[in-house]
């Protein structure tokens, strides 16, 4: 089954991946990541909030080869955060408790920089 459509694996807490290289880190609300030949699904960031809150995500996502996307998993829902190469800002809602950002890919070479700012409810241009 195609990993992009396997809801059970995408929502799971288990990382299931193969990669020639994964280098990255989460420092507070900033995530930087680079992969080579990444296939599977991996949690790349976890955010705990004490109440439902809106946040701004600034995303710089580049897929150099293969297919990849970033999703936000919260409780029983999933939202696509980044599905194509480019820079964008968007507002997402984080539910009370743990919210996970996950990278999904098939033979993907990816560069990702993501910054989360809590409490922002609108985009200013």
Protein backbone atom coordinates (compact mmCIF):
# COMPACT_ATOMS: atom_id res chain seq x y z
CA UNK A 1 0.00 0.00 0.00
CA UNK A 2 1.13 3.53 -0.77
CA UNK A 3 2.55 5.16 2.40
CA UNK A 4 0.95 8.50 1.43
CA UNK A 5 -2.53 6.97 1.80
CA UNK A 6 -1.96 4.54 4.69
CA UNK A 7 -3.76 6.43 7.44
CA UNK A 8 -2.97 3.81 10.09
CA UNK A 9 0.81 4.12 9.55
CA UNK A 10 0.69 7.91 9.26
CA UNK A 11 -1.18 8.32 12.58
CA UNK A 12 0.93 5.72 14.39
CA UNK A 13 3.54 6.77 16.93
CA UNK A 14 5.94 4.28 15.40
CA UNK A 15 8.62 5.50 13.00
CA UNK A 16 8.95 3.25 9.96
CA UNK A 17 11.70 4.39 7.62
CA UNK A 18 14.70 3.69 5.47
CA UNK A 19 17.21 6.34 4.53
CA UNK A 20 20.77 6.76 3.34
CA UNK A 21 20.99 9.89 5.51
CA UNK A 22 18.87 11.87 7.98
CA UNK A 23 20.37 14.90 9.68
CA UNK A 24 18.19 17.21 11.73
CA UNK A 25 17.15 18.68 15.02
CA UNK A 26 14.29 20.28 16.88
CA UNK A 27 15.37 23.20 19.05
CA UNK A 28 12.34 24.59 20.88
CA UNK A 29 9.94 25.56 18.07
CA UNK A 30 12.45 25.33 15.21
CA UNK A 31 13.02 22.24 13.10
CA UNK A 32 15.80 21.77 10.52
CA UNK A 33 16.13 18.56 8.57
CA UNK A 34 17.89 17.09 5.55
CA UNK A 35 17.43 13.60 4.12
CA UNK A 36 18.77 11.44 1.30
CA UNK A 37 16.86 8.48 -0.14
CA UNK A 38 14.23 8.73 2.62
CA UNK A 39 11.32 6.28 2.41
CA UNK A 40 8.70 5.81 5.11
CA UNK A 41 7.32 7.97 7.91
CA UNK A 42 9.18 9.66 10.80
CA UNK A 43 8.19 12.04 13.60
CA UNK A 44 10.36 15.14 13.19
CA UNK A 45 8.84 17.35 15.89
CA UNK A 46 6.58 17.09 18.93
CA UNK A 47 4.73 20.04 20.46
CA UNK A 48 2.79 19.85 23.73
CA UNK A 49 0.16 22.51 24.42
CA UNK A 50 -2.02 22.93 27.51
CA UNK A 51 -5.02 24.27 25.62
CA UNK A 52 -6.25 24.45 22.04
CA UNK A 53 -4.27 27.18 20.29
CA UNK A 54 -3.65 28.60 16.83
CA UNK A 55 -0.07 28.80 15.61
CA UNK A 56 1.81 30.15 12.64
CA UNK A 57 4.05 27.76 10.70
CA UNK A 58 6.78 29.26 8.51
CA UNK A 59 7.90 26.48 6.18
CA UNK A 60 10.78 26.25 3.72
CA UNK A 61 10.36 22.82 2.07
CA UNK A 62 12.42 21.54 -0.84
CA UNK A 63 12.02 18.12 -2.42
CA UNK A 64 14.99 17.57 -4.73
CA UNK A 65 13.94 14.08 -5.82
CA UNK A 66 11.26 11.52 -5.01
CA UNK A 67 7.99 12.34 -3.24
CA UNK A 68 7.61 13.84 0.22
CA UNK A 69 5.25 15.78 2.44
CA UNK A 70 4.98 16.99 6.03
CA UNK A 71 1.85 16.26 8.05
CA UNK A 72 0.54 17.37 11.45
CA UNK A 73 -0.99 14.55 13.52
CA UNK A 74 -3.14 15.47 16.50
CA UNK A 75 -5.31 12.96 18.29
CA UNK A 76 -7.19 11.24 15.45
CA UNK A 77 -6.78 13.86 12.73
CA UNK A 78 -4.13 14.58 10.13
CA UNK A 79 -3.48 17.79 8.21
CA UNK A 80 -1.07 18.24 5.31
CA UNK A 81 1.38 21.00 6.25
CA UNK A 82 3.71 20.94 3.23
CA UNK A 83 3.11 18.94 0.06
CA UNK A 84 5.26 20.70 -2.52
CA UNK A 85 8.54 22.57 -2.81
CA UNK A 86 8.41 26.21 -1.71
CA UNK A 87 8.26 28.70 1.11
CA UNK A 88 4.98 29.46 2.79
CA UNK A 89 3.38 30.57 6.03
CA UNK A 90 0.14 29.12 7.30
CA UNK A 91 -2.03 29.03 10.40
CA UNK A 92 -2.68 25.64 12.04
CA UNK A 93 -4.59 24.68 15.15
CA UNK A 94 -2.85 22.61 17.81
CA UNK A 95 -5.15 20.59 20.07
CA UNK A 96 -4.59 20.28 23.80
CA UNK A 97 -1.97 17.59 24.39
CA UNK A 98 0.67 16.26 22.04
CA UNK A 99 0.85 17.32 18.39
CA UNK A 100 3.35 15.61 16.08
CA UNK A 101 4.89 16.76 12.83
CA UNK A 102 5.80 13.81 10.61
CA UNK A 103 7.78 13.52 7.42
CA UNK A 104 6.40 11.11 4.81
CA UNK A 105 8.47 10.15 1.80
CA UNK A 106 9.27 7.78 -1.03
CA UNK A 107 12.92 7.80 -2.17
CA UNK A 108 13.02 11.48 -1.24
CA UNK A 109 15.90 13.90 -0.93
CA UNK A 110 14.50 16.70 1.26
CA UNK A 111 15.57 19.96 2.90
CA UNK A 112 13.18 21.38 5.50
CA UNK A 113 13.22 24.38 7.80
CA UNK A 114 10.13 24.97 9.92
CA UNK A 115 9.42 27.59 12.60
CA UNK A 116 6.32 27.42 14.81
CA UNK A 117 5.04 30.57 16.55
CA UNK A 118 2.29 29.95 19.13
CA UNK A 119 -0.68 32.24 19.63
CA UNK A 120 -0.81 33.71 16.10
CA UNK A 121 -4.29 33.64 14.52
CA UNK A 122 -3.66 35.56 11.28
CA UNK A 123 -1.03 35.99 8.59
CA UNK A 124 0.47 39.42 8.08
CA UNK A 125 2.00 40.00 4.68
